């Protein structure tokens, strides 16, 4: 089930409202959808991970390149 009639697929990049630390406000931030379409169709939730261009070359960071995009563009190269 979807709240707004949109079913996301794994690999989609969407903007979601992320709360600030004090939880008083939110700001739209990009996320990568990880959960599969079957889960996303049957739930009001989805599993995602945040995307940022503000990296400090952490061991667990994965750098995105414009060539990684199947469709669309990323506004700036991370790293």
PDB file of N, CA and C in Angstrom:
ATOM      1  N   UNK A   1       0.846  -1.177   0.000  1.00  0.00           N
ATOM      2  CA  UNK A   1       0.000   0.000   0.000  1.00  0.00           C
ATOM      3  C   UNK A   1       0.891   1.239   0.000  1.00  0.00           C
ATOM      4  N   UNK A   2       0.503   2.231  -0.716  1.00  0.00           N
ATOM      5  CA  UNK A   2       1.285   3.455  -0.761  1.00  0.00           C
ATOM      6  C   UNK A   2       0.430   4.625  -0.308  1.00  0.00           C
ATOM      7  N   UNK A   3       1.055   5.564   0.358  1.00  0.00           N
ATOM      8  CA  UNK A   3       0.312   6.698   0.901  1.00  0.00           C
ATOM      9  C   UNK A   3      -0.105   7.679  -0.189  1.00  0.00           C
ATOM     10  N   UNK A   4       0.749   7.921  -1.157  1.00  0.00           N
ATOM     11  CA  UNK A   4       0.464   8.925  -2.176  1.00  0.00           C
ATOM     12  C   UNK A   4       0.355   8.335  -3.579  1.00  0.00           C
ATOM     13  N   UNK A   5       0.196   7.025  -3.687  1.00  0.00           N
ATOM     14  CA  UNK A   5       0.064   6.401  -4.991  1.00  0.00           C
ATOM     15  C   UNK A   5       1.378   6.185  -5.716  1.00  0.00           C
ATOM     16  N   UNK A   6       2.488   6.382  -5.030  1.00  0.00           N
ATOM     17  CA  UNK A   6       3.807   6.191  -5.632  1.00  0.00           C
ATOM     18  C   UNK A   6       4.454   4.979  -4.976  1.00  0.00           C
ATOM     19  N   UNK A   7       4.900   4.033  -5.784  1.00  0.00           N
ATOM     20  CA  UNK A   7       5.629   2.887  -5.254  1.00  0.00           C
ATOM     21  C   UNK A   7       7.081   3.021  -5.678  1.00  0.00           C
ATOM     22  N   UNK A   8       7.953   3.088  -4.689  1.00  0.00           N
ATOM     23  CA  UNK A   8       9.376   3.217  -4.974  1.00  0.00           C
ATOM     24  C   UNK A   8       9.990   1.847  -5.197  1.00  0.00           C
ATOM     25  N   UNK A   9      11.040   1.817  -6.007  1.00  0.00           N
ATOM     26  CA  UNK A   9      11.786   0.588  -6.266  1.00  0.00           C
ATOM     27  C   UNK A   9      13.177   0.714  -5.668  1.00  0.00           C
ATOM     28  N   UNK A  10      13.789  -0.419  -5.343  1.00  0.00           N
ATOM     29  CA  UNK A  10      15.177  -0.406  -4.881  1.00  0.00           C
ATOM     30  C   UNK A  10      16.024   0.288  -5.939  1.00  0.00           C
ATOM     31  N   UNK A  11      16.866   1.201  -5.510  1.00  0.00           N
ATOM     32  CA  UNK A  11      17.711   1.952  -6.432  1.00  0.00           C
ATOM     33  C   UNK A  11      17.209   3.355  -6.712  1.00  0.00           C
ATOM     34  N   UNK A  12      15.934   3.617  -6.401  1.00  0.00           N
ATOM     35  CA  UNK A  12      15.406   4.972  -6.581  1.00  0.00           C
ATOM     36  C   UNK A  12      16.061   5.923  -5.586  1.00  0.00           C
ATOM     37  N   UNK A  13      16.237   7.160  -5.992  1.00  0.00           N
ATOM     38  CA  UNK A  13      16.705   8.214  -5.093  1.00  0.00           C
ATOM     39  C   UNK A  13      15.563   9.202  -4.944  1.00  0.00           C
ATOM     40  N   UNK A  14      15.163   9.438  -3.696  1.00  0.00           N
ATOM     41  CA  UNK A  14      14.037  10.327  -3.411  1.00  0.00           C
ATOM     42  C   UNK A  14      14.411  11.287  -2.287  1.00  0.00           C
ATOM     43  N   UNK A  15      13.661  12.367  -2.172  1.00  0.00           N
ATOM     44  CA  UNK A  15      13.850  13.311  -1.075  1.00  0.00           C
ATOM     45  C   UNK A  15      12.869  12.987   0.036  1.00  0.00           C
ATOM     46  N   UNK A  16      13.371  12.925   1.270  1.00  0.00           N
ATOM     47  CA  UNK A  16      12.518  12.705   2.435  1.00  0.00           C
ATOM     48  C   UNK A  16      12.818  13.781   3.475  1.00  0.00           C
ATOM     49  N   UNK A  17      11.838  14.116   4.312  1.00  0.00           N
ATOM     50  CA  UNK A  17      12.066  15.137   5.336  1.00  0.00           C
ATOM     51  C   UNK A  17      12.864  14.570   6.516  1.00  0.00           C
ATOM     52  N   UNK A  18      14.125  14.951   6.635  1.00  0.00           N
ATOM     53  CA  UNK A  18      14.968  14.517   7.746  1.00  0.00           C
ATOM     54  C   UNK A  18      14.893  15.548   8.862  1.00  0.00           C
ATOM     55  N   UNK A  19      14.737  15.100  10.113  1.00  0.00           N
ATOM     56  CA  UNK A  19      14.682  16.062  11.225  1.00  0.00           C
ATOM     57  C   UNK A  19      16.067  16.579  11.598  1.00  0.00           C
ATOM     58  N   UNK A  20      16.098  17.820  12.058  1.00  0.00           N
ATOM     59  CA  UNK A  20      17.309  18.358  12.655  1.00  0.00           C
ATOM     60  C   UNK A  20      17.532  17.666  13.996  1.00  0.00           C
ATOM     61  N   UNK A  21      18.716  17.823  14.567  1.00  0.00           N
ATOM     62  CA  UNK A  21      19.058  17.157  15.824  1.00  0.00           C
ATOM     63  C   UNK A  21      18.044  17.448  16.924  1.00  0.00           C
ATOM     64  N   UNK A  22      17.568  18.677  17.012  1.00  0.00           N
ATOM     65  CA  UNK A  22      16.623  19.032  18.079  1.00  0.00           C
ATOM     66  C   UNK A  22      15.183  18.614  17.761  1.00  0.00           C
ATOM     67  N   UNK A  23      14.978  18.000  16.602  1.00  0.00           N
ATOM     68  CA  UNK A  23      13.681  17.468  16.173  1.00  0.00           C
ATOM     69  C   UNK A  23      12.603  18.537  15.988  1.00  0.00           C
ATOM     70  N   UNK A  24      12.976  19.819  15.968  1.00  0.00           N
ATOM     71  CA  UNK A  24      11.981  20.884  15.856  1.00  0.00           C
ATOM     72  C   UNK A  24      11.607  21.190  14.405  1.00  0.00           C
ATOM     73  N   UNK A  25      12.487  20.852  13.457  1.00  0.00           N
ATOM     74  CA  UNK A  25      12.233  21.120  12.052  1.00  0.00           C
ATOM     75  C   UNK A  25      12.807  19.985  11.214  1.00  0.00           C
ATOM     76  N   UNK A  26      12.436  19.982   9.944  1.00  0.00           N
ATOM     77  CA  UNK A  26      12.993  18.999   9.012  1.00  0.00           C
ATOM     78  C   UNK A  26      13.528  19.717   7.781  1.00  0.00           C
ATOM     79  N   UNK A  27      14.347  18.996   7.033  1.00  0.00           N
ATOM     80  CA  UNK A  27      14.888  19.508   5.779  1.00  0.00           C
ATOM     81  C   UNK A  27      14.889  18.358   4.772  1.00  0.00           C
ATOM     82  N   UNK A  28      14.458  18.604   3.531  1.00  0.00           N
ATOM     83  CA  UNK A  28      14.478  17.523   2.537  1.00  0.00           C
ATOM     84  C   UNK A  28      15.907  17.055   2.263  1.00  0.00           C
ATOM     85  N   UNK A  29      16.105  15.747   2.348  1.00  0.00           N
ATOM     86  CA  UNK A  29      17.417  15.151   2.097  1.00  0.00           C
ATOM     87  C   UNK A  29      17.267  13.959   1.164  1.00  0.00           C
ATOM     88  N   UNK A  30      18.262  13.713   0.308  1.00  0.00           N
ATOM     89  CA  UNK A  30      18.175  12.566  -0.602  1.00  0.00           C
ATOM     90  C   UNK A  30      18.493  11.251   0.108  1.00  0.00           C
ATOM     91  N   UNK A  31      17.758  10.216  -0.282  1.00  0.00           N
ATOM     92  CA  UNK A  31      18.014   8.866   0.225  1.00  0.00           C
ATOM     93  C   UNK A  31      17.957   7.886  -0.939  1.00  0.00           C
ATOM     94  N   UNK A  32      18.638   6.768  -0.784  1.00  0.00           N
ATOM     95  CA  UNK A  32      18.614   5.667  -1.739  1.00  0.00           C
ATOM     96  C   UNK A  32      17.672   4.601  -1.195  1.00  0.00           C
ATOM     97  N   UNK A  33      16.662   4.221  -1.962  1.00  0.00           N
ATOM     98  CA  UNK A  33      15.720   3.181  -1.544  1.00  0.00           C
ATOM     99  C   UNK A  33      16.420   1.825  -1.618  1.00  0.00           C
ATOM    100  N   UNK A  34      16.379   1.075  -0.509  1.00  0.00           N
ATOM    101  CA  UNK A  34      17.009  -0.244  -0.432  1.00  0.00           C
ATOM    102  C   UNK A  34      15.991  -1.381  -0.487  1.00  0.00           C
ATOM    103  N   UNK A  35      14.805  -1.173   0.075  1.00  0.00           N
ATOM    104  CA  UNK A  35      13.804  -2.245   0.123  1.00  0.00           C
ATOM    105  C   UNK A  35      13.230  -2.508  -1.266  1.00  0.00           C
ATOM    106  N   UNK A  36      12.826  -3.766  -1.486  1.00  0.00           N
ATOM    107  CA  UNK A  36      12.339  -4.142  -2.818  1.00  0.00           C
ATOM    108  C   UNK A  36      10.900  -3.683  -3.035  1.00  0.00           C
ATOM    109  N   UNK A  37      10.468  -3.743  -4.275  1.00  0.00           N
ATOM    110  CA  UNK A  37       9.156  -3.210  -4.640  1.00  0.00           C
ATOM    111  C   UNK A  37       8.017  -3.981  -3.970  1.00  0.00           C
ATOM    112  N   UNK A  38       8.180  -5.283  -3.749  1.00  0.00           N
ATOM    113  CA  UNK A  38       7.134  -6.065  -3.084  1.00  0.00           C
ATOM    114  C   UNK A  38       6.898  -5.535  -1.673  1.00  0.00           C
ATOM    115  N   UNK A  39       7.970  -5.278  -0.948  1.00  0.00           N
ATOM    116  CA  UNK A  39       7.836  -4.713   0.399  1.00  0.00           C
ATOM    117  C   UNK A  39       7.227  -3.320   0.327  1.00  0.00           C
ATOM    118  N   UNK A  40       7.717  -2.507  -0.579  1.00  0.00           N
ATOM    119  CA  UNK A  40       7.250  -1.126  -0.669  1.00  0.00           C
ATOM    120  C   UNK A  40       5.776  -1.032  -1.059  1.00  0.00           C
ATOM    121  N   UNK A  41       5.281  -1.986  -1.854  1.00  0.00           N
ATOM    122  CA  UNK A  41       3.862  -2.000  -2.228  1.00  0.00           C
ATOM    123  C   UNK A  41       2.974  -2.406  -1.059  1.00  0.00           C
ATOM    124  N   UNK A  42       3.497  -3.214  -0.151  1.00  0.00           N
ATOM    125  CA  UNK A  42       2.679  -3.756   0.930  1.00  0.00           C
ATOM    126  C   UNK A  42       2.817  -2.985   2.237  1.00  0.00           C
ATOM    127  N   UNK A  43       3.563  -1.904   2.233  1.00  0.00           N
ATOM    128  CA  UNK A  43       3.843  -1.185   3.475  1.00  0.00           C
ATOM    129  C   UNK A  43       3.783   0.317   3.240  1.00  0.00           C
ATOM    130  N   UNK A  44       3.529   1.063   4.305  1.00  0.00           N
ATOM    131  CA  UNK A  44       3.630   2.519   4.237  1.00  0.00           C
ATOM    132  C   UNK A  44       5.062   2.977   4.480  1.00  0.00           C
ATOM    133  N   UNK A  45       5.948   2.035   4.760  1.00  0.00           N
ATOM    134  CA  UNK A  45       7.352   2.339   5.031  1.00  0.00           C
ATOM    135  C   UNK A  45       8.233   1.810   3.908  1.00  0.00           C
ATOM    136  N   UNK A  46       9.472   2.276   3.890  1.00  0.00           N
ATOM    137  CA  UNK A  46      10.494   1.703   3.026  1.00  0.00           C
ATOM    138  C   UNK A  46      11.822   1.794   3.757  1.00  0.00           C
ATOM    139  N   UNK A  47      12.770   0.970   3.346  1.00  0.00           N
ATOM    140  CA  UNK A  47      14.106   0.974   3.935  1.00  0.00           C
ATOM    141  C   UNK A  47      15.004   1.791   3.016  1.00  0.00           C
ATOM    142  N   UNK A  48      15.773   2.704   3.613  1.00  0.00           N
ATOM    143  CA  UNK A  48      16.610   3.582   2.796  1.00  0.00           C
ATOM    144  C   UNK A  48      17.904   3.911   3.534  1.00  0.00           C
ATOM    145  N   UNK A  49      18.833   4.516   2.814  1.00  0.00           N
ATOM    146  CA  UNK A  49      20.048   5.042   3.436  1.00  0.00           C
ATOM    147  C   UNK A  49      20.268   6.454   2.912  1.00  0.00           C
ATOM    148  N   UNK A  50      20.806   7.287   3.760  1.00  0.00           N
ATOM    149  CA  UNK A  50      21.031   8.676   3.395  1.00  0.00           C
ATOM    150  C   UNK A  50      22.160   8.838   2.394  1.00  0.00           C
ATOM    151  N   UNK A  51      22.065   9.901   1.605  1.00  0.00           N
ATOM    152  CA  UNK A  51      23.097  10.248   0.629  1.00  0.00           C
ATOM    153  C   UNK A  51      23.577  11.655   0.953  1.00  0.00           C
ATOM    154  N   UNK A  52      24.886  11.850   0.943  1.00  0.00           N
ATOM    155  CA  UNK A  52      25.439  13.178   1.198  1.00  0.00           C
ATOM    156  C   UNK A  52      26.679  13.395   0.343  1.00  0.00           C
ATOM    157  N   UNK A  53      26.967  14.643   0.069  1.00  0.00           N
ATOM    158  CA  UNK A  53      28.218  14.975  -0.620  1.00  0.00           C
ATOM    159  C   UNK A  53      29.269  15.428   0.380  1.00  0.00           C
ATOM    160  N   UNK A  54      28.899  15.458   1.648  1.00  0.00           N
ATOM    161  CA  UNK A  54      29.790  15.900   2.714  1.00  0.00           C
ATOM    162  C   UNK A  54      30.454  14.682   3.358  1.00  0.00           C
ATOM    163  N   UNK A  55      31.509  14.187   2.735  1.00  0.00           N
ATOM    164  CA  UNK A  55      32.185  12.984   3.225  1.00  0.00           C
ATOM    165  C   UNK A  55      33.579  13.317   3.732  1.00  0.00           C
ATOM    166  N   UNK A  56      34.000  12.569   4.703  1.00  0.00           N
ATOM    167  CA  UNK A  56      35.354  12.684   5.230  1.00  0.00           C
ATOM    168  C   UNK A  56      36.153  11.429   4.918  1.00  0.00           C
ATOM    169  N   UNK A  57      35.869  10.804   3.772  1.00  0.00           N
ATOM    170  CA  UNK A  57      36.557   9.578   3.344  1.00  0.00           C
ATOM    171  C   UNK A  57      36.567   8.509   4.428  1.00  0.00           C
ATOM    172  N   UNK A  58      35.407   8.226   4.963  1.00  0.00           N
ATOM    173  CA  UNK A  58      35.254   7.172   5.963  1.00  0.00           C
ATOM    174  C   UNK A  58      35.413   5.808   5.296  1.00  0.00           C
ATOM    175  N   UNK A  59      35.863   4.834   6.072  1.00  0.00           N
ATOM    176  CA  UNK A  59      36.047   3.484   5.532  1.00  0.00           C
ATOM    177  C   UNK A  59      34.745   2.898   4.985  1.00  0.00           C
ATOM    178  N   UNK A  60      33.608   3.258   5.582  1.00  0.00           N
ATOM    179  CA  UNK A  60      32.325   2.688   5.179  1.00  0.00           C
ATOM    180  C   UNK A  60      31.614   3.516   4.109  1.00  0.00           C
ATOM    181  N   UNK A  61      32.186   4.618   3.676  1.00  0.00           N
ATOM    182  CA  UNK A  61      31.555   5.477   2.672  1.00  0.00           C
ATOM    183  C   UNK A  61      31.656   4.860   1.279  1.00  0.00           C
ATOM    184  N   UNK A  62      30.619   5.072   0.499  1.00  0.00           N
ATOM    185  CA  UNK A  62      30.603   4.649  -0.901  1.00  0.00           C
ATOM    186  C   UNK A  62      30.427   5.906  -1.729  1.00  0.00           C
ATOM    187  N   UNK A  63      31.402   6.205  -2.560  1.00  0.00           N
ATOM    188  CA  UNK A  63      31.340   7.417  -3.368  1.00  0.00           C
ATOM    189  C   UNK A  63      30.499   7.183  -4.616  1.00  0.00           C
ATOM    190  N   UNK A  64      29.594   8.119  -4.885  1.00  0.00           N
ATOM    191  CA  UNK A  64      28.773   8.057  -6.091  1.00  0.00           C
ATOM    192  C   UNK A  64      29.396   8.922  -7.170  1.00  0.00           C
ATOM    193  N   UNK A  65      29.293   8.450  -8.376  1.00  0.00           N
ATOM    194  CA  UNK A  65      29.806   9.158  -9.536  1.00  0.00           C
ATOM    195  C   UNK A  65      28.631   9.369 -10.489  1.00  0.00           C
ATOM    196  N   UNK A  66      28.634  10.426 -11.288  1.00  0.00           N
ATOM    197  CA  UNK A  66      27.534  10.605 -12.243  1.00  0.00           C
ATOM    198  C   UNK A  66      27.296   9.376 -13.124  1.00  0.00           C
ATOM    199  N   UNK A  67      28.318   8.592 -13.401  1.00  0.00           N
ATOM    200  CA  UNK A  67      28.157   7.377 -14.209  1.00  0.00           C
ATOM    201  C   UNK A  67      27.392   6.280 -13.478  1.00  0.00           C
ATOM    202  N   UNK A  68      27.217   6.409 -12.151  1.00  0.00           N
ATOM    203  CA  UNK A  68      26.464   5.429 -11.379  1.00  0.00           C
ATOM    204  C   UNK A  68      24.956   5.570 -11.581  1.00  0.00           C
ATOM    205  N   UNK A  69      24.523   6.678 -12.139  1.00  0.00           N
ATOM    206  CA  UNK A  69      23.104   6.966 -12.283  1.00  0.00           C
ATOM    207  C   UNK A  69      22.543   6.298 -13.538  1.00  0.00           C
ATOM    208  N   UNK A  70      21.475   5.505 -13.377  1.00  0.00           N
ATOM    209  CA  UNK A  70      20.801   4.899 -14.527  1.00  0.00           C
ATOM    210  C   UNK A  70      19.980   5.947 -15.271  1.00  0.00           C
ATOM    211  N   UNK A  71      19.492   6.937 -14.519  1.00  0.00           N
ATOM    212  CA  UNK A  71      18.667   7.989 -15.095  1.00  0.00           C
ATOM    213  C   UNK A  71      18.830   9.225 -14.225  1.00  0.00           C
ATOM    214  N   UNK A  72      18.790  10.388 -14.789  1.00  0.00           N
ATOM    215  CA  UNK A  72      18.913  11.616 -14.016  1.00  0.00           C
ATOM    216  C   UNK A  72      20.363  11.962 -13.729  1.00  0.00           C
ATOM    217  N   UNK A  73      20.540  12.936 -12.858  1.00  0.00           N
ATOM    218  CA  UNK A  73      21.882  13.403 -12.520  1.00  0.00           C
ATOM    219  C   UNK A  73      22.003  13.627 -11.024  1.00  0.00           C
ATOM    220  N   UNK A  74      23.223  13.659 -10.545  1.00  0.00           N
ATOM    221  CA  UNK A  74      23.477  14.082  -9.175  1.00  0.00           C
ATOM    222  C   UNK A  74      24.066  15.492  -9.254  1.00  0.00           C
ATOM    223  N   UNK A  75      23.659  16.373  -8.334  1.00  0.00           N
ATOM    224  CA  UNK A  75      24.072  17.770  -8.458  1.00  0.00           C
ATOM    225  C   UNK A  75      25.562  18.018  -8.319  1.00  0.00           C
ATOM    226  N   UNK A  76      26.241  17.212  -7.516  1.00  0.00           N
ATOM    227  CA  UNK A  76      27.687  17.378  -7.428  1.00  0.00           C
ATOM    228  C   UNK A  76      28.326  16.077  -7.008  1.00  0.00           C
ATOM    229  N   UNK A  77      29.547  15.872  -7.442  1.00  0.00           N
ATOM    230  CA  UNK A  77      30.275  14.645  -7.137  1.00  0.00           C
ATOM    231  C   UNK A  77      30.646  14.639  -5.661  1.00  0.00           C
ATOM    232  N   UNK A  78      30.424  13.514  -5.001  1.00  0.00           N
ATOM    233  CA  UNK A  78      30.760  13.388  -3.584  1.00  0.00           C
ATOM    234  C   UNK A  78      32.249  13.185  -3.415  1.00  0.00           C
ATOM    235  N   UNK A  79      32.726  13.568  -2.242  1.00  0.00           N
ATOM    236  CA  UNK A  79      34.113  13.275  -1.931  1.00  0.00           C
ATOM    237  C   UNK A  79      34.948  14.444  -1.620  1.00  0.00           C
TER     238      UNK A  79
END
